[in-house]
């Protein structure tokens, strides 16, 4: 694996570890709360975070919108234990996929028509994780907790 991929995976692993630390601050009794009216519940947000790596791998594999809808229906997680397991599994699957790539700069096109290199998709996954990590941090704050978790090295 080249240095760019290794460094990006280091950042993804750090982000996932901080997401797990944030999730540990949440009580499952808070899962059905809407910290922001009209937005996702706590459980919806952390469930989405849990499967980002796996879902984005499906997109990189050029899954259709219908296949993605089926993926999301089959991959719901509801407990903290399941969420943390899915975060770990998704990361491991992501690493295995990228280790097997002969060329990180070959391209893949999403069902909505965006074409990126495999490396660009990996950067998108990192950005996606960080976007939702920020939402989770805000949700925890809105729940009245002080999330003392390092978000950047």
C-alpha atoms as a PDB file:
ATOM      1  CA  UNK A   1       0.000   0.000   0.000  1.00  0.00           C
ATOM      2  CA  UNK A   2       1.438   3.379  -0.967  1.00  0.00           C
ATOM      3  CA  UNK A   3       2.201   6.166   1.504  1.00  0.00           C
ATOM      4  CA  UNK A   4      -0.834   8.238   0.512  1.00  0.00           C
ATOM      5  CA  UNK A   5      -3.172   5.343   1.238  1.00  0.00           C
ATOM      6  CA  UNK A   6      -1.386   4.506   4.498  1.00  0.00           C
ATOM      7  CA  UNK A   7      -1.636   8.102   5.694  1.00  0.00           C
ATOM      8  CA  UNK A   8      -5.298   8.328   4.714  1.00  0.00           C
ATOM      9  CA  UNK A   9      -6.063   5.091   6.536  1.00  0.00           C
ATOM     10  CA  UNK A  10      -4.284   6.459   9.599  1.00  0.00           C
ATOM     11  CA  UNK A  11      -6.688   9.428   9.533  1.00  0.00           C
ATOM     12  CA  UNK A  12      -9.710   7.184   8.971  1.00  0.00           C
ATOM     13  CA  UNK A  13      -8.694   4.951  11.891  1.00  0.00           C
ATOM     14  CA  UNK A  14      -8.240   8.002  14.122  1.00  0.00           C
ATOM     15  CA  UNK A  15     -11.660   9.328  13.080  1.00  0.00           C
ATOM     16  CA  UNK A  16     -13.331   5.974  13.727  1.00  0.00           C
ATOM     17  CA  UNK A  17     -11.673   5.697  17.135  1.00  0.00           C
ATOM     18  CA  UNK A  18     -12.952   9.148  18.087  1.00  0.00           C
ATOM     19  CA  UNK A  19     -16.441   8.222  16.810  1.00  0.00           C
ATOM     20  CA  UNK A  20     -16.370   5.126  19.015  1.00  0.00           C
ATOM     21  CA  UNK A  21     -15.336   7.253  22.005  1.00  0.00           C
ATOM     22  CA  UNK A  22     -18.233   9.623  21.315  1.00  0.00           C
ATOM     23  CA  UNK A  23     -20.688   6.734  21.003  1.00  0.00           C
ATOM     24  CA  UNK A  24     -19.542   5.425  24.375  1.00  0.00           C
ATOM     25  CA  UNK A  25     -20.787   8.700  25.905  1.00  0.00           C
ATOM     26  CA  UNK A  26     -24.357   8.034  24.754  1.00  0.00           C
ATOM     27  CA  UNK A  27     -26.880   6.071  26.783  1.00  0.00           C
ATOM     28  CA  UNK A  28     -29.050   3.752  24.709  1.00  0.00           C
ATOM     29  CA  UNK A  29     -32.009   5.349  26.485  1.00  0.00           C
ATOM     30  CA  UNK A  30     -31.139   8.518  24.489  1.00  0.00           C
ATOM     31  CA  UNK A  31     -31.244   6.731  21.121  1.00  0.00           C
ATOM     32  CA  UNK A  32     -34.765   7.850  20.153  1.00  0.00           C
ATOM     33  CA  UNK A  33     -34.179  11.524  20.959  1.00  0.00           C
ATOM     34  CA  UNK A  34     -34.267  14.130  18.178  1.00  0.00           C
ATOM     35  CA  UNK A  35     -31.622  16.619  19.405  1.00  0.00           C
ATOM     36  CA  UNK A  36     -32.563  18.838  16.461  1.00  0.00           C
ATOM     37  CA  UNK A  37     -36.203  18.825  15.419  1.00  0.00           C
ATOM     38  CA  UNK A  38     -36.683  17.484  11.912  1.00  0.00           C
ATOM     39  CA  UNK A  39     -33.242  15.842  11.784  1.00  0.00           C
ATOM     40  CA  UNK A  40     -32.131  12.286  12.529  1.00  0.00           C
ATOM     41  CA  UNK A  41     -32.575  10.655  15.899  1.00  0.00           C
ATOM     42  CA  UNK A  42     -29.434   9.793  17.831  1.00  0.00           C
ATOM     43  CA  UNK A  43     -29.739   6.130  16.829  1.00  0.00           C
ATOM     44  CA  UNK A  44     -30.305   7.026  13.175  1.00  0.00           C
ATOM     45  CA  UNK A  45     -27.113   9.089  13.149  1.00  0.00           C
ATOM     46  CA  UNK A  46     -24.921   6.526  14.894  1.00  0.00           C
ATOM     47  CA  UNK A  47     -26.406   3.700  12.805  1.00  0.00           C
ATOM     48  CA  UNK A  48     -25.524   5.634   9.663  1.00  0.00           C
ATOM     49  CA  UNK A  49     -22.003   6.253  10.972  1.00  0.00           C
ATOM     50  CA  UNK A  50     -21.622   2.563  11.746  1.00  0.00           C
ATOM     51  CA  UNK A  51     -22.047   1.486   8.131  1.00  0.00           C
ATOM     52  CA  UNK A  52     -20.469   4.361   6.199  1.00  0.00           C
ATOM     53  CA  UNK A  53     -17.363   2.358   5.249  1.00  0.00           C
ATOM     54  CA  UNK A  54     -19.410  -0.626   4.081  1.00  0.00           C
ATOM     55  CA  UNK A  55     -21.964   1.518   2.257  1.00  0.00           C
ATOM     56  CA  UNK A  56     -19.342   3.610   0.523  1.00  0.00           C
ATOM     57  CA  UNK A  57     -17.568   0.432  -0.564  1.00  0.00           C
ATOM     58  CA  UNK A  58     -20.826  -0.584  -2.241  1.00  0.00           C
ATOM     59  CA  UNK A  59     -20.891   2.761  -4.040  1.00  0.00           C
ATOM     60  CA  UNK A  60     -17.272   2.362  -5.131  1.00  0.00           C
ATOM     61  CA  UNK A  61     -18.283  -1.068  -6.434  1.00  0.00           C
ATOM     62  CA  UNK A  62     -20.798   0.758  -8.611  1.00  0.00           C
ATOM     63  CA  UNK A  63     -23.945  -0.390  -6.815  1.00  0.00           C
ATOM     64  CA  UNK A  64     -27.164   1.045  -8.209  1.00  0.00           C
ATOM     65  CA  UNK A  65     -29.549   3.211  -6.201  1.00  0.00           C
ATOM     66  CA  UNK A  66     -31.849   0.214  -5.809  1.00  0.00           C
ATOM     67  CA  UNK A  67     -28.962  -1.920  -4.545  1.00  0.00           C
ATOM     68  CA  UNK A  68     -28.009   0.821  -2.084  1.00  0.00           C
ATOM     69  CA  UNK A  69     -31.572   1.077  -0.794  1.00  0.00           C
ATOM     70  CA  UNK A  70     -31.574  -2.705  -0.254  1.00  0.00           C
ATOM     71  CA  UNK A  71     -28.157  -2.479   1.427  1.00  0.00           C
ATOM     72  CA  UNK A  72     -29.412   0.130   3.909  1.00  0.00           C
ATOM     73  CA  UNK A  73     -32.523  -1.920   4.685  1.00  0.00           C
ATOM     74  CA  UNK A  74     -30.462  -5.047   5.348  1.00  0.00           C
ATOM     75  CA  UNK A  75     -27.802  -3.276   7.403  1.00  0.00           C
ATOM     76  CA  UNK A  76     -29.649  -1.566  10.208  1.00  0.00           C
ATOM     77  CA  UNK A  77     -28.016  -1.592  13.615  1.00  0.00           C
ATOM     78  CA  UNK A  78     -29.741  -0.630  16.830  1.00  0.00           C
ATOM     79  CA  UNK A  79     -27.540  -1.357  19.821  1.00  0.00           C
ATOM     80  CA  UNK A  80     -24.294   0.251  20.862  1.00  0.00           C
ATOM     81  CA  UNK A  81     -22.578  -3.121  20.636  1.00  0.00           C
ATOM     82  CA  UNK A  82     -23.734  -3.664  17.033  1.00  0.00           C
ATOM     83  CA  UNK A  83     -22.807  -0.119  16.070  1.00  0.00           C
ATOM     84  CA  UNK A  84     -19.274  -0.440  17.428  1.00  0.00           C
ATOM     85  CA  UNK A  85     -18.857  -3.848  15.757  1.00  0.00           C
ATOM     86  CA  UNK A  86     -20.002  -2.465  12.393  1.00  0.00           C
ATOM     87  CA  UNK A  87     -17.567   0.451  12.630  1.00  0.00           C
ATOM     88  CA  UNK A  88     -14.706  -2.014  13.149  1.00  0.00           C
ATOM     89  CA  UNK A  89     -15.880  -4.423  10.438  1.00  0.00           C
ATOM     90  CA  UNK A  90     -16.383  -1.633   7.925  1.00  0.00           C
ATOM     91  CA  UNK A  91     -12.901  -0.292   8.527  1.00  0.00           C
ATOM     92  CA  UNK A  92     -11.368  -3.758   8.114  1.00  0.00           C
ATOM     93  CA  UNK A  93     -13.299  -4.355   4.876  1.00  0.00           C
ATOM     94  CA  UNK A  94     -12.160  -0.982   3.580  1.00  0.00           C
ATOM     95  CA  UNK A  95      -8.501  -1.769   4.309  1.00  0.00           C
ATOM     96  CA  UNK A  96      -8.784  -5.212   2.671  1.00  0.00           C
ATOM     97  CA  UNK A  97     -10.379  -3.717  -0.416  1.00  0.00           C
ATOM     98  CA  UNK A  98      -7.683  -1.085  -0.837  1.00  0.00           C
ATOM     99  CA  UNK A  99      -4.869  -3.552  -0.129  1.00  0.00           C
ATOM    100  CA  UNK A 100      -6.168  -5.692  -2.985  1.00  0.00           C
ATOM    101  CA  UNK A 101      -6.330  -2.846  -5.512  1.00  0.00           C
ATOM    102  CA  UNK A 102      -3.763  -3.048  -8.280  1.00  0.00           C
ATOM    103  CA  UNK A 103      -4.177   0.691  -8.967  1.00  0.00           C
ATOM    104  CA  UNK A 104      -5.496   3.236  -6.458  1.00  0.00           C
ATOM    105  CA  UNK A 105      -5.929   5.715  -9.283  1.00  0.00           C
ATOM    106  CA  UNK A 106      -8.295   3.618 -11.402  1.00  0.00           C
ATOM    107  CA  UNK A 107     -11.760   5.140 -11.496  1.00  0.00           C
ATOM    108  CA  UNK A 108     -15.232   4.170 -10.378  1.00  0.00           C
ATOM    109  CA  UNK A 109     -18.521   5.909 -11.125  1.00  0.00           C
ATOM    110  CA  UNK A 110     -21.343   6.253  -8.604  1.00  0.00           C
ATOM    111  CA  UNK A 111     -24.997   5.652  -9.429  1.00  0.00           C
ATOM    112  CA  UNK A 112     -25.514   9.433  -9.468  1.00  0.00           C
ATOM    113  CA  UNK A 113     -22.799   9.861 -12.102  1.00  0.00           C
ATOM    114  CA  UNK A 114     -19.745  11.079 -10.166  1.00  0.00           C
ATOM    115  CA  UNK A 115     -16.472   9.527 -11.300  1.00  0.00           C
ATOM    116  CA  UNK A 116     -13.482   9.558  -8.961  1.00  0.00           C
ATOM    117  CA  UNK A 117     -10.276   7.606  -8.657  1.00  0.00           C
ATOM    118  CA  UNK A 118     -10.261   4.930  -5.959  1.00  0.00           C
ATOM    119  CA  UNK A 119      -8.038   7.247  -3.916  1.00  0.00           C
ATOM    120  CA  UNK A 120     -10.523  10.126  -4.270  1.00  0.00           C
ATOM    121  CA  UNK A 121     -13.320   7.840  -3.072  1.00  0.00           C
ATOM    122  CA  UNK A 122     -11.208   7.056  -0.007  1.00  0.00           C
ATOM    123  CA  UNK A 123     -10.844  10.779   0.677  1.00  0.00           C
ATOM    124  CA  UNK A 124     -14.631  11.107   0.323  1.00  0.00           C
ATOM    125  CA  UNK A 125     -15.090   8.370   2.923  1.00  0.00           C
ATOM    126  CA  UNK A 126     -12.810  10.252   5.322  1.00  0.00           C
ATOM    127  CA  UNK A 127     -14.761  13.477   4.701  1.00  0.00           C
ATOM    128  CA  UNK A 128     -18.081  11.629   5.128  1.00  0.00           C
ATOM    129  CA  UNK A 129     -16.976  10.154   8.472  1.00  0.00           C
ATOM    130  CA  UNK A 130     -15.747  13.533   9.709  1.00  0.00           C
ATOM    131  CA  UNK A 131     -18.960  15.267   8.642  1.00  0.00           C
ATOM    132  CA  UNK A 132     -21.127  12.900  10.671  1.00  0.00           C
ATOM    133  CA  UNK A 133     -18.646  12.822  13.566  1.00  0.00           C
ATOM    134  CA  UNK A 134     -19.164  16.590  13.863  1.00  0.00           C
ATOM    135  CA  UNK A 135     -22.936  16.041  13.906  1.00  0.00           C
ATOM    136  CA  UNK A 136     -22.535  13.407  16.613  1.00  0.00           C
ATOM    137  CA  UNK A 137     -20.377  15.749  18.686  1.00  0.00           C
ATOM    138  CA  UNK A 138     -23.104  18.398  18.424  1.00  0.00           C
ATOM    139  CA  UNK A 139     -25.844  15.893  19.311  1.00  0.00           C
ATOM    140  CA  UNK A 140     -23.977  14.816  22.440  1.00  0.00           C
ATOM    141  CA  UNK A 141     -23.556  18.454  23.443  1.00  0.00           C
ATOM    142  CA  UNK A 142     -27.291  19.033  22.888  1.00  0.00           C
ATOM    143  CA  UNK A 143     -27.979  16.029  25.142  1.00  0.00           C
ATOM    144  CA  UNK A 144     -26.270  18.020  27.910  1.00  0.00           C
ATOM    145  CA  UNK A 145     -23.027  16.063  27.974  1.00  0.00           C
ATOM    146  CA  UNK A 146     -19.514  17.433  27.591  1.00  0.00           C
ATOM    147  CA  UNK A 147     -17.858  15.321  24.885  1.00  0.00           C
ATOM    148  CA  UNK A 148     -14.196  15.467  25.892  1.00  0.00           C
ATOM    149  CA  UNK A 149     -12.879  13.454  22.967  1.00  0.00           C
ATOM    150  CA  UNK A 150      -9.856  14.398  20.891  1.00  0.00           C
ATOM    151  CA  UNK A 151     -11.086  15.047  17.341  1.00  0.00           C
ATOM    152  CA  UNK A 152      -7.708  15.827  15.756  1.00  0.00           C
ATOM    153  CA  UNK A 153      -4.187  14.692  16.529  1.00  0.00           C
END
